[in-house]
Amino acid sequence: LRRALIDPWPAWAAGGLLGALVAASYAAGEPLGLI
């Protein structure tokens, strides 16, 4: 819980999750973005 909720995540873990989210958004038909 401390590693997940309090301590900052390793950048590779956050980056990997972001990459998976981009791929999932393509699977859903809407590319990820805030623009």
PDB file of all heavy atoms in Angstrom:
ATOM      1  N   LEU A   1       0.828  -1.208   0.000  1.00  0.00           N
ATOM      2  CA  LEU A   1       0.000   0.000   0.000  1.00  0.00           C
ATOM      3  C   LEU A   1       0.862   1.257   0.000  1.00  0.00           C
ATOM      4  O   LEU A   1       0.538   2.239  -0.678  1.00  0.00           O
ATOM      5  CB  LEU A   1      -0.936  -0.004   1.202  1.00  0.00           C
ATOM      6  CG  LEU A   1      -2.130  -0.957   1.135  1.00  0.00           C
ATOM      7  CD1 LEU A   1      -2.955  -0.872   2.414  1.00  0.00           C
ATOM      8  CD2 LEU A   1      -2.998  -0.647  -0.085  1.00  0.00           C
ATOM      9  N   ARG A   2       1.959   1.225   0.749  1.00  0.00           N
ATOM     10  CA  ARG A   2       2.823   2.407   0.769  1.00  0.00           C
ATOM     11  C   ARG A   2       3.474   2.623  -0.598  1.00  0.00           C
ATOM     12  O   ARG A   2       3.546   3.756  -1.089  1.00  0.00           O
ATOM     13  CB  ARG A   2       3.901   2.285   1.843  1.00  0.00           C
ATOM     14  CG  ARG A   2       4.809   3.499   1.871  1.00  0.00           C
ATOM     15  CD  ARG A   2       5.798   3.510   3.012  1.00  0.00           C
ATOM     16  NE  ARG A   2       6.602   4.728   2.969  1.00  0.00           N
ATOM     17  CZ  ARG A   2       6.244   5.893   3.481  1.00  0.00           C
ATOM     18  NH1 ARG A   2       5.077   6.007   4.089  1.00  0.00           N
ATOM     19  NH2 ARG A   2       7.038   6.955   3.377  1.00  0.00           N
ATOM     20  N   ARG A   3       3.944   1.548  -1.203  1.00  0.00           N
ATOM     21  CA  ARG A   3       4.555   1.677  -2.529  1.00  0.00           C
ATOM     22  C   ARG A   3       3.549   2.147  -3.569  1.00  0.00           C
ATOM     23  O   ARG A   3       3.887   2.916  -4.475  1.00  0.00           O
ATOM     24  CB  ARG A   3       5.160   0.335  -2.962  1.00  0.00           C
ATOM     25  CG  ARG A   3       6.384  -0.083  -2.155  1.00  0.00           C
ATOM     26  CD  ARG A   3       6.949  -1.392  -2.664  1.00  0.00           C
ATOM     27  NE  ARG A   3       8.109  -1.826  -1.899  1.00  0.00           N
ATOM     28  CZ  ARG A   3       9.348  -1.424  -2.140  1.00  0.00           C
ATOM     29  NH1 ARG A   3       9.584  -0.588  -3.138  1.00  0.00           N
ATOM     30  NH2 ARG A   3      10.347  -1.856  -1.403  1.00  0.00           N
ATOM     31  N   ALA A   4       2.302   1.701  -3.462  1.00  0.00           N
ATOM     32  CA  ALA A   4       1.297   2.032  -4.471  1.00  0.00           C
ATOM     33  C   ALA A   4       0.663   3.395  -4.242  1.00  0.00           C
ATOM     34  O   ALA A   4       0.357   4.112  -5.202  1.00  0.00           O
ATOM     35  CB  ALA A   4       0.210   0.954  -4.490  1.00  0.00           C
ATOM     36  N   LEU A   5       0.457   3.777  -2.978  1.00  0.00           N
ATOM     37  CA  LEU A   5      -0.342   4.957  -2.689  1.00  0.00           C
ATOM     38  C   LEU A   5       0.468   6.164  -2.213  1.00  0.00           C
ATOM     39  O   LEU A   5       0.011   7.301  -2.383  1.00  0.00           O
ATOM     40  CB  LEU A   5      -1.398   4.622  -1.623  1.00  0.00           C
ATOM     41  CG  LEU A   5      -2.393   3.518  -1.974  1.00  0.00           C
ATOM     42  CD1 LEU A   5      -3.347   3.294  -0.806  1.00  0.00           C
ATOM     43  CD2 LEU A   5      -3.164   3.865  -3.235  1.00  0.00           C
ATOM     44  N   ILE A   6       1.616   5.958  -1.609  1.00  0.00           N
ATOM     45  CA  ILE A   6       2.337   7.076  -0.992  1.00  0.00           C
ATOM     46  C   ILE A   6       3.643   7.377  -1.719  1.00  0.00           C
ATOM     47  O   ILE A   6       3.873   8.504  -2.156  1.00  0.00           O
ATOM     48  CB  ILE A   6       2.602   6.776   0.498  1.00  0.00           C
ATOM     49  CG1 ILE A   6       1.264   6.658   1.244  1.00  0.00           C
ATOM     50  CG2 ILE A   6       3.455   7.882   1.115  1.00  0.00           C
ATOM     51  CD1 ILE A   6       1.409   6.333   2.715  1.00  0.00           C
ATOM     52  N   ASP A   7       4.505   6.387  -1.865  1.00  0.00           N
ATOM     53  CA  ASP A   7       5.782   6.623  -2.536  1.00  0.00           C
ATOM     54  C   ASP A   7       5.566   6.841  -4.037  1.00  0.00           C
ATOM     55  O   ASP A   7       4.689   6.222  -4.644  1.00  0.00           O
ATOM     56  CB  ASP A   7       6.714   5.429  -2.343  1.00  0.00           C
ATOM     57  CG  ASP A   7       7.161   5.285  -0.898  1.00  0.00           C
ATOM     58  OD1 ASP A   7       7.017   6.268  -0.143  1.00  0.00           O
ATOM     59  OD2 ASP A   7       7.624   4.194  -0.529  1.00  0.00           O
ATOM     60  N   PRO A   8       6.354   7.738  -4.652  1.00  0.00           N
ATOM     61  CA  PRO A   8       6.243   7.910  -6.110  1.00  0.00           C
ATOM     62  C   PRO A   8       6.544   6.608  -6.843  1.00  0.00           C
ATOM     63  O   PRO A   8       7.410   5.836  -6.422  1.00  0.00           O
ATOM     64  CB  PRO A   8       7.309   8.971  -6.420  1.00  0.00           C
ATOM     65  CG  PRO A   8       7.525   9.689  -5.122  1.00  0.00           C
ATOM     66  CD  PRO A   8       7.328   8.671  -4.055  1.00  0.00           C
ATOM     67  N   TRP A   9       5.843   6.382  -7.929  1.00  0.00           N
ATOM     68  CA  TRP A   9       6.089   5.183  -8.727  1.00  0.00           C
ATOM     69  C   TRP A   9       7.366   5.353  -9.543  1.00  0.00           C
ATOM     70  O   TRP A   9       7.718   6.483  -9.918  1.00  0.00           O
ATOM     71  CB  TRP A   9       4.938   4.949  -9.694  1.00  0.00           C
ATOM     72  CG  TRP A   9       3.671   4.500  -9.046  1.00  0.00           C
ATOM     73  CD1 TRP A   9       3.446   4.284  -7.725  1.00  0.00           C
ATOM     74  CD2 TRP A   9       2.432   4.238  -9.718  1.00  0.00           C
ATOM     75  NE1 TRP A   9       2.143   3.898  -7.519  1.00  0.00           N
ATOM     76  CE2 TRP A   9       1.504   3.851  -8.719  1.00  0.00           C
ATOM     77  CE3 TRP A   9       2.032   4.274 -11.044  1.00  0.00           C
ATOM     78  CZ2 TRP A   9       0.178   3.530  -9.033  1.00  0.00           C
ATOM     79  CZ3 TRP A   9       0.721   3.953 -11.362  1.00  0.00           C
ATOM     80  CH2 TRP A   9      -0.191   3.575 -10.363  1.00  0.00           C
ATOM     81  N   PRO A  10       8.043   4.259  -9.847  1.00  0.00           N
ATOM     82  CA  PRO A  10       9.135   4.348 -10.823  1.00  0.00           C
ATOM     83  C   PRO A  10       8.590   4.865 -12.161  1.00  0.00           C
ATOM     84  O   PRO A  10       7.468   4.526 -12.558  1.00  0.00           O
ATOM     85  CB  PRO A  10       9.622   2.908 -10.935  1.00  0.00           C
ATOM     86  CG  PRO A  10       9.134   2.217  -9.711  1.00  0.00           C
ATOM     87  CD  PRO A  10       7.855   2.888  -9.341  1.00  0.00           C
ATOM     88  N   ALA A  11       9.374   5.676 -12.824  1.00  0.00           N
ATOM     89  CA  ALA A  11       8.897   6.275 -14.079  1.00  0.00           C
ATOM     90  C   ALA A  11       8.560   5.207 -15.118  1.00  0.00           C
ATOM     91  O   ALA A  11       7.629   5.368 -15.907  1.00  0.00           O
ATOM     92  CB  ALA A  11       9.942   7.239 -14.627  1.00  0.00           C
ATOM     93  N   TRP A  12       9.312   4.082 -15.105  1.00  0.00           N
ATOM     94  CA  TRP A  12       9.045   3.039 -16.093  1.00  0.00           C
ATOM     95  C   TRP A  12       7.673   2.408 -15.863  1.00  0.00           C
ATOM     96  O   TRP A  12       6.992   2.020 -16.818  1.00  0.00           O
ATOM     97  CB  TRP A  12      10.136   1.974 -16.056  1.00  0.00           C
ATOM     98  CG  TRP A  12      10.258   1.230 -14.761  1.00  0.00           C
ATOM     99  CD1 TRP A  12      11.142   1.485 -13.745  1.00  0.00           C
ATOM    100  CD2 TRP A  12       9.481   0.114 -14.328  1.00  0.00           C
ATOM    101  NE1 TRP A  12      10.948   0.597 -12.711  1.00  0.00           N
ATOM    102  CE2 TRP A  12       9.944  -0.254 -13.036  1.00  0.00           C
ATOM    103  CE3 TRP A  12       8.446  -0.622 -14.900  1.00  0.00           C
ATOM    104  CZ2 TRP A  12       9.398  -1.306 -12.311  1.00  0.00           C
ATOM    105  CZ3 TRP A  12       7.895  -1.681 -14.184  1.00  0.00           C
ATOM    106  CH2 TRP A  12       8.368  -2.018 -12.905  1.00  0.00           C
ATOM    107  N   ALA A  13       7.249   2.312 -14.601  1.00  0.00           N
ATOM    108  CA  ALA A  13       5.942   1.731 -14.314  1.00  0.00           C
ATOM    109  C   ALA A  13       4.826   2.659 -14.775  1.00  0.00           C
ATOM    110  O   ALA A  13       3.849   2.230 -15.412  1.00  0.00           O
ATOM    111  CB  ALA A  13       5.813   1.446 -12.817  1.00  0.00           C
ATOM    112  N   ALA A  14       4.964   3.954 -14.465  1.00  0.00           N
ATOM    113  CA  ALA A  14       3.957   4.920 -14.905  1.00  0.00           C
ATOM    114  C   ALA A  14       3.945   5.021 -16.431  1.00  0.00           C
ATOM    115  O   ALA A  14       2.880   5.108 -17.053  1.00  0.00           O
ATOM    116  CB  ALA A  14       4.242   6.284 -14.281  1.00  0.00           C
ATOM    117  N   GLY A  15       5.141   5.006 -17.045  1.00  0.00           N
ATOM    118  CA  GLY A  15       5.207   5.060 -18.497  1.00  0.00           C
ATOM    119  C   GLY A  15       4.593   3.841 -19.154  1.00  0.00           C
ATOM    120  O   GLY A  15       3.881   3.943 -20.149  1.00  0.00           O
ATOM    121  N   GLY A  16       4.870   2.662 -18.583  1.00  0.00           N
ATOM    122  CA  GLY A  16       4.273   1.449 -19.130  1.00  0.00           C
ATOM    123  C   GLY A  16       2.759   1.467 -19.048  1.00  0.00           C
ATOM    124  O   GLY A  16       2.064   1.057 -19.984  1.00  0.00           O
ATOM    125  N   LEU A  17       2.237   1.959 -17.920  1.00  0.00           N
ATOM    126  CA  LEU A  17       0.780   2.057 -17.778  1.00  0.00           C
ATOM    127  C   LEU A  17       0.205   3.052 -18.776  1.00  0.00           C
ATOM    128  O   LEU A  17      -0.862   2.806 -19.370  1.00  0.00           O
ATOM    129  CB  LEU A  17       0.436   2.476 -16.349  1.00  0.00           C
ATOM    130  CG  LEU A  17      -1.058   2.610 -16.027  1.00  0.00           C
ATOM    131  CD1 LEU A  17      -1.809   1.314 -16.313  1.00  0.00           C
ATOM    132  CD2 LEU A  17      -1.248   3.030 -14.570  1.00  0.00           C
ATOM    133  N   LEU A  18       0.900   4.174 -18.983  1.00  0.00           N
ATOM    134  CA  LEU A  18       0.439   5.155 -19.965  1.00  0.00           C
ATOM    135  C   LEU A  18       0.433   4.553 -21.368  1.00  0.00           C
ATOM    136  O   LEU A  18      -0.521   4.754 -22.137  1.00  0.00           O
ATOM    137  CB  LEU A  18       1.351   6.393 -19.923  1.00  0.00           C
ATOM    138  CG  LEU A  18       1.070   7.480 -20.963  1.00  0.00           C
ATOM    139  CD1 LEU A  18      -0.367   7.978 -20.868  1.00  0.00           C
ATOM    140  CD2 LEU A  18       2.055   8.630 -20.799  1.00  0.00           C
ATOM    141  N   GLY A  19       1.481   3.802 -21.710  1.00  0.00           N
ATOM    142  CA  GLY A  19       1.518   3.158 -23.026  1.00  0.00           C
ATOM    143  C   GLY A  19       0.393   2.165 -23.202  1.00  0.00           C
ATOM    144  O   GLY A  19      -0.231   2.090 -24.270  1.00  0.00           O
ATOM    145  N   ALA A  20       0.106   1.374 -22.161  1.00  0.00           N
ATOM    146  CA  ALA A  20      -1.002   0.418 -22.231  1.00  0.00           C
ATOM    147  C   ALA A  20      -2.325   1.135 -22.389  1.00  0.00           C
ATOM    148  O   ALA A  20      -3.225   0.667 -23.107  1.00  0.00           O
ATOM    149  CB  ALA A  20      -1.011  -0.449 -20.971  1.00  0.00           C
ATOM    150  N   LEU A  21      -2.448   2.294 -21.748  1.00  0.00           N
ATOM    151  CA  LEU A  21      -3.686   3.068 -21.853  1.00  0.00           C
ATOM    152  C   LEU A  21      -3.872   3.612 -23.268  1.00  0.00           C
ATOM    153  O   LEU A  21      -4.995   3.639 -23.794  1.00  0.00           O
ATOM    154  CB  LEU A  21      -3.645   4.207 -20.840  1.00  0.00           C
ATOM    155  CG  LEU A  21      -4.938   4.961 -20.571  1.00  0.00           C
ATOM    156  CD1 LEU A  21      -6.024   4.016 -20.093  1.00  0.00           C
ATOM    157  CD2 LEU A  21      -4.693   6.067 -19.547  1.00  0.00           C
ATOM    158  N   VAL A  22      -2.786   4.055 -23.890  1.00  0.00           N
ATOM    159  CA  VAL A  22      -2.862   4.515 -25.286  1.00  0.00           C
ATOM    160  C   VAL A  22      -3.334   3.381 -26.195  1.00  0.00           C
ATOM    161  O   VAL A  22      -4.208   3.559 -27.045  1.00  0.00           O
ATOM    162  CB  VAL A  22      -1.502   5.062 -25.747  1.00  0.00           C
ATOM    163  CG1 VAL A  22      -1.485   5.274 -27.257  1.00  0.00           C
ATOM    164  CG2 VAL A  22      -1.180   6.368 -25.032  1.00  0.00           C
ATOM    165  N   ALA A  23      -2.753   2.184 -26.003  1.00  0.00           N
ATOM    166  CA  ALA A  23      -3.150   1.030 -26.807  1.00  0.00           C
ATOM    167  C   ALA A  23      -4.606   0.661 -26.561  1.00  0.00           C
ATOM    168  O   ALA A  23      -5.355   0.348 -27.500  1.00  0.00           O
ATOM    169  CB  ALA A  23      -2.241  -0.161 -26.498  1.00  0.00           C
ATOM    170  N   ALA A  24      -5.038   0.699 -25.288  1.00  0.00           N
ATOM    171  CA  ALA A  24      -6.430   0.373 -24.965  1.00  0.00           C
ATOM    172  C   ALA A  24      -7.384   1.383 -25.589  1.00  0.00           C
ATOM    173  O   ALA A  24      -8.489   1.021 -26.033  1.00  0.00           O
ATOM    174  CB  ALA A  24      -6.617   0.331 -23.452  1.00  0.00           C
ATOM    175  N   SER A  25      -6.969   2.647 -25.639  1.00  0.00           N
ATOM    176  CA  SER A  25      -7.834   3.664 -26.237  1.00  0.00           C
ATOM    177  C   SER A  25      -7.998   3.422 -27.733  1.00  0.00           C
ATOM    178  O   SER A  25      -9.072   3.658 -28.295  1.00  0.00           O
ATOM    179  CB  SER A  25      -7.264   5.064 -25.980  1.00  0.00           C
ATOM    180  OG  SER A  25      -6.063   5.278 -26.710  1.00  0.00           O
ATOM    181  N   TYR A  26      -6.941   2.935 -28.388  1.00  0.00           N
ATOM    182  CA  TYR A  26      -7.072   2.580 -29.801  1.00  0.00           C
ATOM    183  C   TYR A  26      -8.026   1.404 -29.979  1.00  0.00           C
ATOM    184  O   TYR A  26      -8.835   1.369 -30.910  1.00  0.00           O
ATOM    185  CB  TYR A  26      -5.707   2.238 -30.395  1.00  0.00           C
ATOM    186  CG  TYR A  26      -4.985   3.421 -30.980  1.00  0.00           C
ATOM    187  CD1 TYR A  26      -3.701   3.763 -30.565  1.00  0.00           C
ATOM    188  CD2 TYR A  26      -5.581   4.210 -31.967  1.00  0.00           C
ATOM    189  CE1 TYR A  26      -3.028   4.845 -31.097  1.00  0.00           C
ATOM    190  CE2 TYR A  26      -4.920   5.299 -32.503  1.00  0.00           C
ATOM    191  CZ  TYR A  26      -3.648   5.615 -32.070  1.00  0.00           C
ATOM    192  OH  TYR A  26      -3.000   6.703 -32.607  1.00  0.00           O
ATOM    193  N   ALA A  27      -7.931   0.438 -29.059  1.00  0.00           N
ATOM    194  CA  ALA A  27      -8.839  -0.705 -29.133  1.00  0.00           C
ATOM    195  C   ALA A  27     -10.288  -0.267 -28.971  1.00  0.00           C
ATOM    196  O   ALA A  27     -11.203  -0.863 -29.555  1.00  0.00           O
ATOM    197  CB  ALA A  27      -8.473  -1.735 -28.066  1.00  0.00           C
ATOM    198  N   ALA A  28     -10.498   0.799 -28.180  1.00  0.00           N
ATOM    199  CA  ALA A  28     -11.845   1.316 -27.975  1.00  0.00           C
ATOM    200  C   ALA A  28     -12.272   2.256 -29.102  1.00  0.00           C
ATOM    201  O   ALA A  28     -13.429   2.685 -29.142  1.00  0.00           O
ATOM    202  CB  ALA A  28     -11.934   2.042 -26.639  1.00  0.00           C
ATOM    203  N   GLY A  29     -11.332   2.594 -29.993  1.00  0.00           N
ATOM    204  CA  GLY A  29     -11.675   3.430 -31.145  1.00  0.00           C
ATOM    205  C   GLY A  29     -11.469   4.904 -30.962  1.00  0.00           C
ATOM    206  O   GLY A  29     -11.806   5.700 -31.846  1.00  0.00           O
ATOM    207  N   GLU A  30     -10.891   5.330 -29.837  1.00  0.00           N
ATOM    208  CA  GLU A  30     -10.695   6.759 -29.579  1.00  0.00           C
ATOM    209  C   GLU A  30      -9.292   6.980 -29.038  1.00  0.00           C
ATOM    210  O   GLU A  30      -9.012   6.656 -27.888  1.00  0.00           O
ATOM    211  CB  GLU A  30     -11.719   7.267 -28.558  1.00  0.00           C
ATOM    212  CG  GLU A  30     -11.613   8.744 -28.234  1.00  0.00           C
ATOM    213  CD  GLU A  30     -12.070   9.652 -29.358  1.00  0.00           C
ATOM    214  OE1 GLU A  30     -12.825   9.172 -30.222  1.00  0.00           O
ATOM    215  OE2 GLU A  30     -11.670  10.817 -29.387  1.00  0.00           O
ATOM    216  N   PRO A  31      -8.366   7.522 -29.856  1.00  0.00           N
ATOM    217  CA  PRO A  31      -6.993   7.698 -29.380  1.00  0.00           C
ATOM    218  C   PRO A  31      -6.913   8.612 -28.168  1.00  0.00           C
ATOM    219  O   PRO A  31      -7.641   9.609 -28.083  1.00  0.00           O
ATOM    220  CB  PRO A  31      -6.277   8.300 -30.596  1.00  0.00           C
ATOM    221  CG  PRO A  31      -7.364   8.880 -31.444  1.00  0.00           C
ATOM    222  CD  PRO A  31      -8.557   8.026 -31.218  1.00  0.00           C
ATOM    223  N   LEU A  32      -6.055   8.265 -27.228  1.00  0.00           N
ATOM    224  CA  LEU A  32      -5.935   8.993 -25.975  1.00  0.00           C
ATOM    225  C   LEU A  32      -5.300  10.359 -26.214  1.00  0.00           C
ATOM    226  O   LEU A  32      -4.357  10.506 -26.980  1.00  0.00           O
ATOM    227  CB  LEU A  32      -5.079   8.187 -24.993  1.00  0.00           C
ATOM    228  CG  LEU A  32      -4.935   8.753 -23.586  1.00  0.00           C
ATOM    229  CD1 LEU A  32      -6.259   8.688 -22.847  1.00  0.00           C
ATOM    230  CD2 LEU A  32      -3.861   7.991 -22.827  1.00  0.00           C
ATOM    231  N   GLY A  33      -5.819  11.354 -25.523  1.00  0.00           N
ATOM    232  CA  GLY A  33      -5.261  12.697 -25.607  1.00  0.00           C
ATOM    233  C   GLY A  33      -6.149  13.675 -24.875  1.00  0.00           C
ATOM    234  O   GLY A  33      -7.316  13.391 -24.594  1.00  0.00           O
ATOM    235  N   LEU A  34      -5.606  14.862 -24.561  1.00  0.00           N
ATOM    236  CA  LEU A  34      -6.351  15.871 -23.817  1.00  0.00           C
ATOM    237  C   LEU A  34      -6.579  17.130 -24.637  1.00  0.00           C
ATOM    238  O   LEU A  34      -7.056  18.132 -24.114  1.00  0.00           O
ATOM    239  CB  LEU A  34      -5.583  16.233 -22.537  1.00  0.00           C
ATOM    240  CG  LEU A  34      -5.271  15.086 -21.576  1.00  0.00           C
ATOM    241  CD1 LEU A  34      -4.439  15.600 -20.409  1.00  0.00           C
ATOM    242  CD2 LEU A  34      -6.537  14.433 -21.068  1.00  0.00           C
ATOM    243  N   ILE A  35      -6.266  17.088 -25.936  1.00  0.00           N
ATOM    244  CA  ILE A  35      -6.247  18.299 -26.745  1.00  0.00           C
ATOM    245  C   ILE A  35      -7.537  18.513 -27.532  1.00  0.00           C
ATOM    246  O   ILE A  35      -7.944  19.643 -27.781  1.00  0.00           O
ATOM    247  CB  ILE A  35      -5.046  18.254 -27.728  1.00  0.00           C
ATOM    248  CG1 ILE A  35      -3.736  18.182 -26.932  1.00  0.00           C
ATOM    249  CG2 ILE A  35      -5.044  19.461 -28.638  1.00  0.00           C
ATOM    250  CD1 ILE A  35      -3.511  19.332 -25.994  1.00  0.00           C
TER     251      ILE A  35
END
